[in-house]
Amino acid sequence: MHRINRDMLRVELAVTLKTALTRHKELLRAKRLPHESDALSDALAVAILDLVDCDSRAVVQTETYGYSAHGPRQGKWGIDEPSP
């Protein structure tokens, strides 16, 4: 197991978005109905999820540590939780 650094993830996301936009070109055209423009958002979200959360990768989150003015506060890697 190894950590994926931000630069590598950024490159992979950029490629995924570019190919997703190419595959769903028709959704980029101006639509009159709100639900039609939501189809592009959904297609992009699925493309990103397929990249980040798949058979060989997992998304992990730290535990909740305390509360802030805006609700529960997530811990930080290397401070509240050991770095993965």
PDB file of N, CA and C in Angstrom:
ATOM      1  N   MET A   1       0.857  -1.170   0.000  1.00  0.00           N
ATOM      2  CA  MET A   1       0.000   0.000   0.000  1.00  0.00           C
ATOM      3  C   MET A   1       0.900   1.229   0.000  1.00  0.00           C
ATOM      4  N   HIS A   2       0.527   2.218  -0.782  1.00  0.00           N
ATOM      5  CA  HIS A   2       1.269   3.474  -0.786  1.00  0.00           C
ATOM      6  C   HIS A   2       0.311   4.634  -0.980  1.00  0.00           C
ATOM      7  N   ARG A   3       0.751   5.776  -0.542  1.00  0.00           N
ATOM      8  CA  ARG A   3      -0.063   6.978  -0.657  1.00  0.00           C
ATOM      9  C   ARG A   3       0.130   7.590  -2.038  1.00  0.00           C
ATOM     10  N   ILE A   4      -0.942   8.077  -2.628  1.00  0.00           N
ATOM     11  CA  ILE A   4      -0.881   8.761  -3.917  1.00  0.00           C
ATOM     12  C   ILE A   4      -0.702  10.247  -3.625  1.00  0.00           C
ATOM     13  N   ASN A   5       0.372  10.836  -4.143  1.00  0.00           N
ATOM     14  CA  ASN A   5       0.595  12.251  -3.842  1.00  0.00           C
ATOM     15  C   ASN A   5      -0.368  13.130  -4.644  1.00  0.00           C
ATOM     16  N   ARG A   6      -0.495  14.368  -4.215  1.00  0.00           N
ATOM     17  CA  ARG A   6      -1.476  15.289  -4.808  1.00  0.00           C
ATOM     18  C   ARG A   6      -1.202  15.570  -6.276  1.00  0.00           C
ATOM     19  N   ASP A   7       0.073  15.662  -6.656  1.00  0.00           N
ATOM     20  CA  ASP A   7       0.397  15.949  -8.057  1.00  0.00           C
ATOM     21  C   ASP A   7      -0.064  14.812  -8.968  1.00  0.00           C
ATOM     22  N   MET A   8       0.190  13.587  -8.561  1.00  0.00           N
ATOM     23  CA  MET A   8      -0.232  12.441  -9.368  1.00  0.00           C
ATOM     24  C   MET A   8      -1.756  12.372  -9.447  1.00  0.00           C
ATOM     25  N   LEU A   9      -2.428  12.597  -8.324  1.00  0.00           N
ATOM     26  CA  LEU A   9      -3.887  12.587  -8.325  1.00  0.00           C
ATOM     27  C   LEU A   9      -4.439  13.707  -9.201  1.00  0.00           C
ATOM     28  N   ARG A  10      -3.794  14.885  -9.170  1.00  0.00           N
ATOM     29  CA  ARG A  10      -4.234  16.012 -10.004  1.00  0.00           C
ATOM     30  C   ARG A  10      -4.137  15.660 -11.486  1.00  0.00           C
ATOM     31  N   VAL A  11      -3.029  15.040 -11.884  1.00  0.00           N
ATOM     32  CA  VAL A  11      -2.853  14.652 -13.283  1.00  0.00           C
ATOM     33  C   VAL A  11      -3.904  13.623 -13.684  1.00  0.00           C
ATOM     34  N   GLU A  12      -4.118  12.619 -12.840  1.00  0.00           N
ATOM     35  CA  GLU A  12      -5.106  11.586 -13.151  1.00  0.00           C
ATOM     36  C   GLU A  12      -6.514  12.162 -13.219  1.00  0.00           C
ATOM     37  N   LEU A  13      -6.835  13.109 -12.329  1.00  0.00           N
ATOM     38  CA  LEU A  13      -8.151  13.761 -12.381  1.00  0.00           C
ATOM     39  C   LEU A  13      -8.303  14.595 -13.650  1.00  0.00           C
ATOM     40  N   ALA A  14      -7.259  15.309 -14.027  1.00  0.00           N
ATOM     41  CA  ALA A  14      -7.317  16.128 -15.242  1.00  0.00           C
ATOM     42  C   ALA A  14      -7.571  15.254 -16.468  1.00  0.00           C
ATOM     43  N   VAL A  15      -6.884  14.131 -16.558  1.00  0.00           N
ATOM     44  CA  VAL A  15      -7.081  13.226 -17.689  1.00  0.00           C
ATOM     45  C   VAL A  15      -8.490  12.646 -17.657  1.00  0.00           C
ATOM     46  N   THR A  16      -8.952  12.241 -16.486  1.00  0.00           N
ATOM     47  CA  THR A  16     -10.299  11.678 -16.355  1.00  0.00           C
ATOM     48  C   THR A  16     -11.362  12.694 -16.752  1.00  0.00           C
ATOM     49  N   LEU A  17     -11.219  13.938 -16.302  1.00  0.00           N
ATOM     50  CA  LEU A  17     -12.194  14.973 -16.656  1.00  0.00           C
ATOM     51  C   LEU A  17     -12.169  15.261 -18.156  1.00  0.00           C
ATOM     52  N   LYS A  18     -10.970  15.345 -18.719  1.00  0.00           N
ATOM     53  CA  LYS A  18     -10.858  15.629 -20.156  1.00  0.00           C
ATOM     54  C   LYS A  18     -11.539  14.539 -20.978  1.00  0.00           C
ATOM     55  N   THR A  19     -11.290  13.277 -20.623  1.00  0.00           N
ATOM     56  CA  THR A  19     -11.910  12.188 -21.383  1.00  0.00           C
ATOM     57  C   THR A  19     -13.412  12.115 -21.123  1.00  0.00           C
ATOM     58  N   ALA A  20     -13.845  12.413 -19.903  1.00  0.00           N
ATOM     59  CA  ALA A  20     -15.275  12.400 -19.607  1.00  0.00           C
ATOM     60  C   ALA A  20     -15.988  13.495 -20.387  1.00  0.00           C
ATOM     61  N   LEU A  21     -15.375  14.670 -20.462  1.00  0.00           N
ATOM     62  CA  LEU A  21     -15.983  15.764 -21.214  1.00  0.00           C
ATOM     63  C   LEU A  21     -16.043  15.432 -22.703  1.00  0.00           C
ATOM     64  N   THR A  22     -15.030  14.746 -23.202  1.00  0.00           N
ATOM     65  CA  THR A  22     -15.032  14.352 -24.611  1.00  0.00           C
ATOM     66  C   THR A  22     -16.140  13.340 -24.883  1.00  0.00           C
ATOM     67  N   ARG A  23     -16.311  12.384 -23.963  1.00  0.00           N
ATOM     68  CA  ARG A  23     -17.342  11.362 -24.138  1.00  0.00           C
ATOM     69  C   ARG A  23     -18.752  11.942 -24.045  1.00  0.00           C
ATOM     70  N   HIS A  24     -18.921  12.999 -23.276  1.00  0.00           N
ATOM     71  CA  HIS A  24     -20.255  13.554 -23.040  1.00  0.00           C
ATOM     72  C   HIS A  24     -20.379  14.959 -23.624  1.00  0.00           C
ATOM     73  N   LYS A  25     -19.829  15.150 -24.814  1.00  0.00           N
ATOM     74  CA  LYS A  25     -19.852  16.461 -25.473  1.00  0.00           C
ATOM     75  C   LYS A  25     -21.260  17.030 -25.610  1.00  0.00           C
ATOM     76  N   GLU A  26     -22.202  16.151 -25.923  1.00  0.00           N
ATOM     77  CA  GLU A  26     -23.576  16.626 -26.131  1.00  0.00           C
ATOM     78  C   GLU A  26     -24.166  17.267 -24.878  1.00  0.00           C
ATOM     79  N   LEU A  27     -23.652  16.885 -23.694  1.00  0.00           N
ATOM     80  CA  LEU A  27     -24.171  17.458 -22.457  1.00  0.00           C
ATOM     81  C   LEU A  27     -23.624  18.856 -22.192  1.00  0.00           C
ATOM     82  N   LEU A  28     -22.588  19.257 -22.913  1.00  0.00           N
ATOM     83  CA  LEU A  28     -22.008  20.587 -22.726  1.00  0.00           C
ATOM     84  C   LEU A  28     -22.829  21.679 -23.402  1.00  0.00           C
ATOM     85  N   ARG A  29     -23.635  21.300 -24.374  1.00  0.00           N
ATOM     86  CA  ARG A  29     -24.455  22.298 -25.064  1.00  0.00           C
ATOM     87  C   ARG A  29     -25.450  22.915 -24.083  1.00  0.00           C
ATOM     88  N   ALA A  30     -25.767  24.162 -24.308  1.00  0.00           N
ATOM     89  CA  ALA A  30     -26.710  24.847 -23.422  1.00  0.00           C
ATOM     90  C   ALA A  30     -28.055  24.127 -23.435  1.00  0.00           C
ATOM     91  N   LYS A  31     -28.549  23.832 -22.267  1.00  0.00           N
ATOM     92  CA  LYS A  31     -29.844  23.157 -22.121  1.00  0.00           C
ATOM     93  C   LYS A  31     -30.827  24.128 -21.469  1.00  0.00           C
ATOM     94  N   ARG A  32     -32.060  23.914 -21.754  1.00  0.00           N
ATOM     95  CA  ARG A  32     -33.078  24.780 -21.178  1.00  0.00           C
ATOM     96  C   ARG A  32     -33.636  24.223 -19.865  1.00  0.00           C
ATOM     97  N   LEU A  33     -33.602  22.923 -19.699  1.00  0.00           N
ATOM     98  CA  LEU A  33     -34.180  22.326 -18.503  1.00  0.00           C
ATOM     99  C   LEU A  33     -33.081  22.002 -17.489  1.00  0.00           C
ATOM    100  N   PRO A  34     -33.319  22.318 -16.215  1.00  0.00           N
ATOM    101  CA  PRO A  34     -32.289  22.088 -15.187  1.00  0.00           C
ATOM    102  C   PRO A  34     -31.837  20.632 -15.093  1.00  0.00           C
ATOM    103  N   HIS A  35     -32.753  19.692 -15.238  1.00  0.00           N
ATOM    104  CA  HIS A  35     -32.363  18.291 -15.090  1.00  0.00           C
ATOM    105  C   HIS A  35     -31.462  17.820 -16.231  1.00  0.00           C
ATOM    106  N   GLU A  36     -31.516  18.490 -17.380  1.00  0.00           N
ATOM    107  CA  GLU A  36     -30.638  18.125 -18.487  1.00  0.00           C
ATOM    108  C   GLU A  36     -29.195  18.541 -18.205  1.00  0.00           C
ATOM    109  N   SER A  37     -29.006  19.693 -17.588  1.00  0.00           N
ATOM    110  CA  SER A  37     -27.640  20.117 -17.264  1.00  0.00           C
ATOM    111  C   SER A  37     -27.075  19.305 -16.100  1.00  0.00           C
ATOM    112  N   ASP A  38     -27.939  18.739 -15.274  1.00  0.00           N
ATOM    113  CA  ASP A  38     -27.471  17.895 -14.176  1.00  0.00           C
ATOM    114  C   ASP A  38     -26.855  16.602 -14.693  1.00  0.00           C
ATOM    115  N   ALA A  39     -27.189  16.181 -15.879  1.00  0.00           N
ATOM    116  CA  ALA A  39     -26.638  14.950 -16.435  1.00  0.00           C
ATOM    117  C   ALA A  39     -25.126  15.059 -16.595  1.00  0.00           C
ATOM    118  N   LEU A  40     -24.615  16.233 -16.974  1.00  0.00           N
ATOM    119  CA  LEU A  40     -23.171  16.419 -17.096  1.00  0.00           C
ATOM    120  C   LEU A  40     -22.510  16.323 -15.724  1.00  0.00           C
ATOM    121  N   SER A  41     -23.087  16.944 -14.714  1.00  0.00           N
ATOM    122  CA  SER A  41     -22.539  16.846 -13.353  1.00  0.00           C
ATOM    123  C   SER A  41     -22.474  15.404 -12.903  1.00  0.00           C
ATOM    124  N   ASP A  42     -23.543  14.663 -13.158  1.00  0.00           N
ATOM    125  CA  ASP A  42     -23.577  13.255 -12.764  1.00  0.00           C
ATOM    126  C   ASP A  42     -22.523  12.444 -13.516  1.00  0.00           C
ATOM    127  N   ALA A  43     -22.356  12.693 -14.810  1.00  0.00           N
ATOM    128  CA  ALA A  43     -21.361  11.968 -15.601  1.00  0.00           C
ATOM    129  C   ALA A  43     -19.951  12.257 -15.098  1.00  0.00           C
ATOM    130  N   LEU A  44     -19.670  13.519 -14.769  1.00  0.00           N
ATOM    131  CA  LEU A  44     -18.350  13.870 -14.242  1.00  0.00           C
ATOM    132  C   LEU A  44     -18.123  13.255 -12.863  1.00  0.00           C
ATOM    133  N   ALA A  45     -19.142  13.274 -12.019  1.00  0.00           N
ATOM    134  CA  ALA A  45     -19.014  12.679 -10.691  1.00  0.00           C
ATOM    135  C   ALA A  45     -18.718  11.181 -10.790  1.00  0.00           C
ATOM    136  N   VAL A  46     -19.407  10.486 -11.685  1.00  0.00           N
ATOM    137  CA  VAL A  46     -19.166   9.050 -11.870  1.00  0.00           C
ATOM    138  C   VAL A  46     -17.750   8.807 -12.370  1.00  0.00           C
ATOM    139  N   ALA A  47     -17.270   9.634 -13.296  1.00  0.00           N
ATOM    140  CA  ALA A  47     -15.916   9.467 -13.825  1.00  0.00           C
ATOM    141  C   ALA A  47     -14.872   9.658 -12.728  1.00  0.00           C
ATOM    142  N   ILE A  48     -15.073  10.648 -11.877  1.00  0.00           N
ATOM    143  CA  ILE A  48     -14.138  10.893 -10.783  1.00  0.00           C
ATOM    144  C   ILE A  48     -14.193   9.767  -9.759  1.00  0.00           C
ATOM    145  N   LEU A  49     -15.398   9.329  -9.414  1.00  0.00           N
ATOM    146  CA  LEU A  49     -15.527   8.223  -8.465  1.00  0.00           C
ATOM    147  C   LEU A  49     -14.889   6.947  -8.993  1.00  0.00           C
ATOM    148  N   ASP A  50     -15.044   6.683 -10.278  1.00  0.00           N
ATOM    149  CA  ASP A  50     -14.419   5.499 -10.868  1.00  0.00           C
ATOM    150  C   ASP A  50     -12.901   5.561 -10.756  1.00  0.00           C
ATOM    151  N   LEU A  51     -12.338   6.764 -10.805  1.00  0.00           N
ATOM    152  CA  LEU A  51     -10.893   6.923 -10.672  1.00  0.00           C
ATOM    153  C   LEU A  51     -10.450   6.787  -9.222  1.00  0.00           C
ATOM    154  N   VAL A  52     -11.111   7.487  -8.319  1.00  0.00           N
ATOM    155  CA  VAL A  52     -10.645   7.585  -6.941  1.00  0.00           C
ATOM    156  C   VAL A  52     -11.062   6.401  -6.074  1.00  0.00           C
ATOM    157  N   ASP A  53     -12.269   5.918  -6.229  1.00  0.00           N
ATOM    158  CA  ASP A  53     -12.774   4.838  -5.376  1.00  0.00           C
ATOM    159  C   ASP A  53     -13.099   3.639  -6.259  1.00  0.00           C
ATOM    160  N   CYS A  54     -12.096   2.770  -6.451  1.00  0.00           N
ATOM    161  CA  CYS A  54     -12.267   1.633  -7.347  1.00  0.00           C
ATOM    162  C   CYS A  54     -11.719   0.373  -6.682  1.00  0.00           C
ATOM    163  N   ASP A  55     -11.537  -0.672  -7.450  1.00  0.00           N
ATOM    164  CA  ASP A  55     -11.079  -1.944  -6.894  1.00  0.00           C
ATOM    165  C   ASP A  55      -9.672  -1.871  -6.304  1.00  0.00           C
ATOM    166  N   SER A  56      -8.838  -0.946  -6.773  1.00  0.00           N
ATOM    167  CA  SER A  56      -7.462  -0.894  -6.291  1.00  0.00           C
ATOM    168  C   SER A  56      -7.167   0.331  -5.428  1.00  0.00           C
ATOM    169  N   ARG A  57      -8.181   1.159  -5.153  1.00  0.00           N
ATOM    170  CA  ARG A  57      -7.992   2.343  -4.316  1.00  0.00           C
ATOM    171  C   ARG A  57      -9.151   2.454  -3.344  1.00  0.00           C
ATOM    172  N   ALA A  58      -8.877   3.131  -2.237  1.00  0.00           N
ATOM    173  CA  ALA A  58      -9.921   3.386  -1.252  1.00  0.00           C
ATOM    174  C   ALA A  58      -9.766   4.806  -0.730  1.00  0.00           C
ATOM    175  N   VAL A  59     -10.861   5.405  -0.379  1.00  0.00           N
ATOM    176  CA  VAL A  59     -10.850   6.726   0.213  1.00  0.00           C
ATOM    177  C   VAL A  59     -11.014   6.542   1.716  1.00  0.00           C
ATOM    178  N   VAL A  60     -10.120   7.144   2.491  1.00  0.00           N
ATOM    179  CA  VAL A  60     -10.207   7.030   3.945  1.00  0.00           C
ATOM    180  C   VAL A  60     -10.313   8.419   4.546  1.00  0.00           C
ATOM    181  N   GLN A  61     -10.905   8.466   5.718  1.00  0.00           N
ATOM    182  CA  GLN A  61     -11.125   9.734   6.399  1.00  0.00           C
ATOM    183  C   GLN A  61     -10.765   9.552   7.861  1.00  0.00           C
ATOM    184  N   THR A  62     -10.259  10.585   8.472  1.00  0.00           N
ATOM    185  CA  THR A  62      -9.940  10.505   9.889  1.00  0.00           C
ATOM    186  C   THR A  62     -11.222  10.506  10.704  1.00  0.00           C
ATOM    187  N   GLU A  63     -11.079  10.134  11.958  1.00  0.00           N
ATOM    188  CA  GLU A  63     -12.226  10.151  12.862  1.00  0.00           C
ATOM    189  C   GLU A  63     -12.598  11.594  13.209  1.00  0.00           C
ATOM    190  N   THR A  64     -13.772  11.770  13.762  1.00  0.00           N
ATOM    191  CA  THR A  64     -14.218  13.083  14.207  1.00  0.00           C
ATOM    192  C   THR A  64     -13.595  13.377  15.574  1.00  0.00           C
ATOM    193  N   TYR A  65     -12.984  14.530  15.683  1.00  0.00           N
ATOM    194  CA  TYR A  65     -12.364  14.954  16.939  1.00  0.00           C
ATOM    195  C   TYR A  65     -12.921  16.301  17.332  1.00  0.00           C
ATOM    196  N   GLY A  66     -13.869  16.331  18.227  1.00  0.00           N
ATOM    197  CA  GLY A  66     -14.414  17.584  18.719  1.00  0.00           C
ATOM    198  C   GLY A  66     -15.372  18.242  17.738  1.00  0.00           C
ATOM    199  N   TYR A  67     -15.749  19.458  18.087  1.00  0.00           N
ATOM    200  CA  TYR A  67     -16.717  20.196  17.288  1.00  0.00           C
ATOM    201  C   TYR A  67     -16.239  21.623  17.089  1.00  0.00           C
ATOM    202  N   SER A  68     -16.619  22.192  15.977  1.00  0.00           N
ATOM    203  CA  SER A  68     -16.325  23.596  15.714  1.00  0.00           C
ATOM    204  C   SER A  68     -17.653  24.333  15.621  1.00  0.00           C
ATOM    205  N   ALA A  69     -17.605  25.597  15.298  1.00  0.00           N
ATOM    206  CA  ALA A  69     -18.833  26.383  15.158  1.00  0.00           C
ATOM    207  C   ALA A  69     -19.702  25.869  14.017  1.00  0.00           C
ATOM    208  N   HIS A  70     -19.100  25.124  13.082  1.00  0.00           N
ATOM    209  CA  HIS A  70     -19.828  24.641  11.911  1.00  0.00           C
ATOM    210  C   HIS A  70     -20.209  23.176  12.010  1.00  0.00           C
ATOM    211  N   GLY A  71     -19.966  22.547  13.154  1.00  0.00           N
ATOM    212  CA  GLY A  71     -20.320  21.140  13.323  1.00  0.00           C
ATOM    213  C   GLY A  71     -19.107  20.300  13.678  1.00  0.00           C
ATOM    214  N   PRO A  72     -19.207  18.986  13.475  1.00  0.00           N
ATOM    215  CA  PRO A  72     -18.102  18.101  13.848  1.00  0.00           C
ATOM    216  C   PRO A  72     -16.814  18.444  13.088  1.00  0.00           C
ATOM    217  N   ARG A  73     -15.696  18.299  13.780  1.00  0.00           N
ATOM    218  CA  ARG A  73     -14.396  18.594  13.184  1.00  0.00           C
ATOM    219  C   ARG A  73     -13.669  17.294  12.899  1.00  0.00           C
ATOM    220  N   GLN A  74     -13.260  17.122  11.660  1.00  0.00           N
ATOM    221  CA  GLN A  74     -12.496  15.940  11.293  1.00  0.00           C
ATOM    222  C   GLN A  74     -11.063  16.093  11.787  1.00  0.00           C
ATOM    223  N   GLY A  75     -10.451  15.002  12.199  1.00  0.00           N
ATOM    224  CA  GLY A  75      -9.057  15.018  12.610  1.00  0.00           C
ATOM    225  C   GLY A  75      -8.144  15.284  11.432  1.00  0.00           C
ATOM    226  N   LYS A  76      -6.874  15.515  11.710  1.00  0.00           N
ATOM    227  CA  LYS A  76      -5.888  15.763  10.654  1.00  0.00           C
ATOM    228  C   LYS A  76      -4.863  14.648  10.671  1.00  0.00           C
ATOM    229  N   TRP A  77      -4.446  14.224   9.458  1.00  0.00           N
ATOM    230  CA  TRP A  77      -3.416  13.201   9.353  1.00  0.00           C
ATOM    231  C   TRP A  77      -2.121  13.726   9.943  1.00  0.00           C
ATOM    232  N   GLY A  78      -1.442  12.887  10.713  1.00  0.00           N
ATOM    233  CA  GLY A  78      -0.181  13.257  11.318  1.00  0.00           C
ATOM    234  C   GLY A  78      -0.323  14.027  12.605  1.00  0.00           C
ATOM    235  N   ILE A  79      -1.527  14.457  12.943  1.00  0.00           N
ATOM    236  CA  ILE A  79      -1.772  15.179  14.198  1.00  0.00           C
ATOM    237  C   ILE A  79      -2.695  14.346  15.078  1.00  0.00           C
ATOM    238  N   ASP A  80      -3.931  14.143  14.633  1.00  0.00           N
ATOM    239  CA  ASP A  80      -4.891  13.347  15.389  1.00  0.00           C
ATOM    240  C   ASP A  80      -4.802  11.867  15.055  1.00  0.00           C
ATOM    241  N   GLU A  81      -4.380  11.565  13.863  1.00  0.00           N
ATOM    242  CA  GLU A  81      -4.262  10.182  13.400  1.00  0.00           C
ATOM    243  C   GLU A  81      -2.881  10.006  12.771  1.00  0.00           C
ATOM    244  N   PRO A  82      -2.310   8.805  12.856  1.00  0.00           N
ATOM    245  CA  PRO A  82      -1.029   8.595  12.168  1.00  0.00           C
ATOM    246  C   PRO A  82      -1.216   8.714  10.663  1.00  0.00           C
ATOM    247  N   SER A  83      -0.202   9.209   9.989  1.00  0.00           N
ATOM    248  CA  SER A  83      -0.287   9.330   8.530  1.00  0.00           C
ATOM    249  C   SER A  83      -0.454   7.946   7.908  1.00  0.00           C
ATOM    250  N   PRO A  84      -1.273   7.851   6.851  1.00  0.00           N
ATOM    251  CA  PRO A  84      -1.490   6.544   6.237  1.00  0.00           C
ATOM    252  C   PRO A  84      -0.257   6.041   5.507  1.00  0.00           C
TER     253      PRO A  84
END
